[in-house]
Amino acid sequence: YGARNAKISGTEISVVVKSVNGRFLETRFHLPKEFFKLESQMKKILSQYFHRGTVDVFVHKRSAGSAHV
């Protein structure tokens, strides 16, 4: 498990990576729509660090001007 937050140009990005042991590498991405085009690139990067297991990647994006309900 790992988590990281960053603020870039007034936008807060939160990334959480969870993994469990498994026989083969399976990556699952939970991304905002605008990041879908980066999924294959992220999968390639993850495969350099993980060789087996199930890896879930959660990315949340929040603009500084968004209201909380």
N, C-alpha and C. Protein backbone atom coordinates (compact mmCIF):
# COMPACT_ATOMS: atom_id res chain seq x y z
N TYR A 1 0.85 -1.17 0.00
CA TYR A 1 0.00 0.00 0.00
C TYR A 1 0.88 1.22 0.00
N GLY A 2 0.50 2.20 -0.83
CA GLY A 2 1.21 3.46 -0.84
C GLY A 2 0.26 4.57 -1.28
N ALA A 3 0.45 5.76 -0.73
CA ALA A 3 -0.40 6.89 -1.08
C ALA A 3 0.45 8.14 -1.17
N ARG A 4 0.03 9.03 -2.08
CA ARG A 4 0.76 10.28 -2.26
C ARG A 4 -0.20 11.35 -2.77
N ASN A 5 -0.05 12.57 -2.28
CA ASN A 5 -0.83 13.71 -2.73
C ASN A 5 0.12 14.76 -3.29
N ALA A 6 -0.36 15.49 -4.30
CA ALA A 6 0.44 16.58 -4.88
C ALA A 6 -0.51 17.67 -5.33
N LYS A 7 -0.04 18.90 -5.29
CA LYS A 7 -0.80 20.04 -5.79
C LYS A 7 -0.05 20.59 -6.99
N ILE A 8 -0.73 20.59 -8.14
CA ILE A 8 -0.11 21.04 -9.38
C ILE A 8 -1.02 22.09 -10.02
N SER A 9 -0.54 23.30 -10.14
CA SER A 9 -1.29 24.40 -10.76
C SER A 9 -2.71 24.52 -10.19
N GLY A 10 -2.85 24.46 -8.89
CA GLY A 10 -4.15 24.63 -8.25
C GLY A 10 -5.03 23.39 -8.26
N THR A 11 -4.53 22.28 -8.75
CA THR A 11 -5.28 21.04 -8.78
C THR A 11 -4.61 20.03 -7.85
N GLU A 12 -5.40 19.40 -7.00
CA GLU A 12 -4.87 18.40 -6.08
C GLU A 12 -5.05 17.01 -6.70
N ILE A 13 -3.95 16.28 -6.79
CA ILE A 13 -3.95 14.92 -7.32
C ILE A 13 -3.60 13.97 -6.18
N SER A 14 -4.41 12.94 -6.02
CA SER A 14 -4.18 11.92 -4.99
C SER A 14 -4.04 10.57 -5.68
N VAL A 15 -2.96 9.85 -5.37
CA VAL A 15 -2.70 8.54 -5.96
C VAL A 15 -2.54 7.52 -4.84
N VAL A 16 -3.28 6.42 -4.93
CA VAL A 16 -3.18 5.32 -3.97
C VAL A 16 -2.91 4.04 -4.76
N VAL A 17 -1.90 3.29 -4.34
CA VAL A 17 -1.55 2.02 -4.98
C VAL A 17 -1.69 0.93 -3.93
N LYS A 18 -2.49 -0.09 -4.26
CA LYS A 18 -2.66 -1.25 -3.38
C LYS A 18 -2.28 -2.49 -4.16
N SER A 19 -1.62 -3.42 -3.49
CA SER A 19 -1.26 -4.66 -4.18
C SER A 19 -1.45 -5.85 -3.25
N VAL A 20 -1.78 -6.98 -3.86
CA VAL A 20 -1.87 -8.25 -3.14
C VAL A 20 -1.13 -9.29 -3.97
N ASN A 21 -0.63 -10.31 -3.31
CA ASN A 21 0.15 -11.32 -3.98
C ASN A 21 -0.72 -12.10 -4.96
N GLY A 22 -0.12 -12.54 -6.03
CA GLY A 22 -0.81 -13.34 -7.02
C GLY A 22 0.21 -13.97 -7.95
N ARG A 23 -0.22 -14.92 -8.71
CA ARG A 23 0.69 -15.67 -9.57
C ARG A 23 1.15 -14.88 -10.79
N PHE A 24 0.25 -14.07 -11.35
CA PHE A 24 0.55 -13.29 -12.53
C PHE A 24 0.33 -11.81 -12.23
N LEU A 25 0.87 -10.95 -13.07
CA LEU A 25 0.68 -9.52 -12.89
C LEU A 25 -0.65 -9.10 -13.50
N GLU A 26 -1.48 -8.46 -12.68
CA GLU A 26 -2.75 -7.90 -13.14
C GLU A 26 -2.83 -6.48 -12.60
N THR A 27 -2.96 -5.52 -13.50
CA THR A 27 -3.06 -4.12 -13.09
C THR A 27 -4.47 -3.62 -13.38
N ARG A 28 -5.01 -2.88 -12.41
CA ARG A 28 -6.34 -2.30 -12.55
C ARG A 28 -6.24 -0.82 -12.20
N PHE A 29 -6.77 0.00 -13.08
CA PHE A 29 -6.69 1.45 -12.91
C PHE A 29 -8.08 2.04 -12.68
N HIS A 30 -8.16 2.94 -11.73
CA HIS A 30 -9.38 3.67 -11.41
C HIS A 30 -9.03 5.14 -11.55
N LEU A 31 -9.30 5.68 -12.74
CA LEU A 31 -8.81 7.00 -13.12
C LEU A 31 -9.94 7.94 -13.51
N PRO A 32 -9.71 9.26 -13.36
CA PRO A 32 -10.63 10.23 -13.96
C PRO A 32 -10.56 10.09 -15.49
N LYS A 33 -11.64 10.48 -16.16
CA LYS A 33 -11.73 10.32 -17.61
C LYS A 33 -10.54 10.92 -18.37
N GLU A 34 -10.07 12.07 -17.94
CA GLU A 34 -9.00 12.75 -18.68
C GLU A 34 -7.65 12.02 -18.58
N PHE A 35 -7.53 11.05 -17.69
CA PHE A 35 -6.28 10.29 -17.55
C PHE A 35 -6.32 8.93 -18.23
N PHE A 36 -7.45 8.55 -18.85
CA PHE A 36 -7.57 7.25 -19.50
C PHE A 36 -6.49 7.03 -20.56
N LYS A 37 -6.12 8.09 -21.28
CA LYS A 37 -5.12 7.95 -22.34
C LYS A 37 -3.74 7.61 -21.80
N LEU A 38 -3.51 7.79 -20.51
CA LEU A 38 -2.22 7.49 -19.89
C LEU A 38 -2.13 6.07 -19.34
N GLU A 39 -3.23 5.33 -19.41
CA GLU A 39 -3.29 4.01 -18.78
C GLU A 39 -2.23 3.05 -19.32
N SER A 40 -2.05 2.98 -20.63
CA SER A 40 -1.07 2.04 -21.19
C SER A 40 0.35 2.42 -20.77
N GLN A 41 0.64 3.71 -20.72
CA GLN A 41 1.96 4.17 -20.29
C GLN A 41 2.19 3.84 -18.81
N MET A 42 1.16 4.02 -17.98
CA MET A 42 1.28 3.69 -16.56
C MET A 42 1.45 2.19 -16.36
N LYS A 43 0.77 1.40 -17.16
CA LYS A 43 0.89 -0.06 -17.07
C LYS A 43 2.31 -0.50 -17.39
N LYS A 44 2.92 0.13 -18.38
CA LYS A 44 4.30 -0.18 -18.76
C LYS A 44 5.27 0.16 -17.63
N ILE A 45 5.04 1.29 -16.98
CA ILE A 45 5.91 1.71 -15.87
C ILE A 45 5.75 0.76 -14.68
N LEU A 46 4.51 0.39 -14.36
CA LEU A 46 4.28 -0.53 -13.25
C LEU A 46 4.94 -1.89 -13.48
N SER A 47 4.93 -2.35 -14.72
CA SER A 47 5.51 -3.66 -15.02
C SER A 47 7.03 -3.67 -14.82
N GLN A 48 7.66 -2.50 -14.74
CA GLN A 48 9.09 -2.43 -14.43
C GLN A 48 9.36 -2.68 -12.94
N TYR A 49 8.35 -2.42 -12.10
CA TYR A 49 8.51 -2.55 -10.66
C TYR A 49 7.80 -3.77 -10.07
N PHE A 50 6.74 -4.22 -10.72
CA PHE A 50 5.97 -5.36 -10.24
C PHE A 50 6.04 -6.47 -11.27
N HIS A 51 6.25 -7.69 -10.82
CA HIS A 51 6.32 -8.83 -11.73
C HIS A 51 5.18 -9.82 -11.52
N ARG A 52 4.50 -9.70 -10.40
CA ARG A 52 3.37 -10.58 -10.12
C ARG A 52 2.47 -9.90 -9.10
N GLY A 53 1.23 -10.40 -9.02
CA GLY A 53 0.28 -9.85 -8.07
C GLY A 53 -0.77 -8.99 -8.75
N THR A 54 -1.74 -8.59 -7.96
CA THR A 54 -2.79 -7.68 -8.44
C THR A 54 -2.49 -6.30 -7.89
N VAL A 55 -2.37 -5.35 -8.78
CA VAL A 55 -2.04 -3.98 -8.40
C VAL A 55 -3.20 -3.07 -8.79
N ASP A 56 -3.79 -2.42 -7.81
CA ASP A 56 -4.86 -1.45 -8.04
C ASP A 56 -4.30 -0.05 -7.88
N VAL A 57 -4.58 0.81 -8.86
CA VAL A 57 -4.12 2.19 -8.82
C VAL A 57 -5.36 3.10 -8.85
N PHE A 58 -5.50 3.91 -7.81
CA PHE A 58 -6.62 4.85 -7.69
C PHE A 58 -6.07 6.27 -7.83
N VAL A 59 -6.60 7.03 -8.77
CA VAL A 59 -6.18 8.42 -8.96
C VAL A 59 -7.43 9.29 -8.83
N HIS A 60 -7.33 10.29 -7.95
CA HIS A 60 -8.42 11.24 -7.75
C HIS A 60 -7.89 12.64 -8.02
N LYS A 61 -8.72 13.43 -8.70
CA LYS A 61 -8.34 14.79 -9.05
C LYS A 61 -9.38 15.74 -8.49
N ARG A 62 -8.91 16.80 -7.85
CA ARG A 62 -9.84 17.80 -7.31
C ARG A 62 -9.28 19.19 -7.58
N SER A 63 -10.07 20.01 -8.24
CA SER A 63 -9.67 21.39 -8.52
C SER A 63 -9.80 22.21 -7.25
N ALA A 64 -9.00 23.23 -7.14
CA ALA A 64 -9.02 24.09 -5.95
C ALA A 64 -10.35 24.78 -5.77
N GLY A 65 -11.08 25.02 -6.87
CA GLY A 65 -12.35 25.73 -6.79
C GLY A 65 -13.55 24.83 -6.60
N SER A 66 -13.36 23.51 -6.46
CA SER A 66 -14.51 22.61 -6.32
C SER A 66 -15.14 22.74 -4.94
N ALA A 67 -16.44 22.64 -4.91
CA ALA A 67 -17.17 22.79 -3.64
C ALA A 67 -17.37 21.43 -2.99
N HIS A 68 -17.42 21.42 -1.67
CA HIS A 68 -17.68 20.19 -0.93
C HIS A 68 -19.16 20.12 -0.57
N VAL A 69 -19.75 18.98 -0.76
CA VAL A 69 -21.17 18.81 -0.42
C VAL A 69 -21.28 18.01 0.85
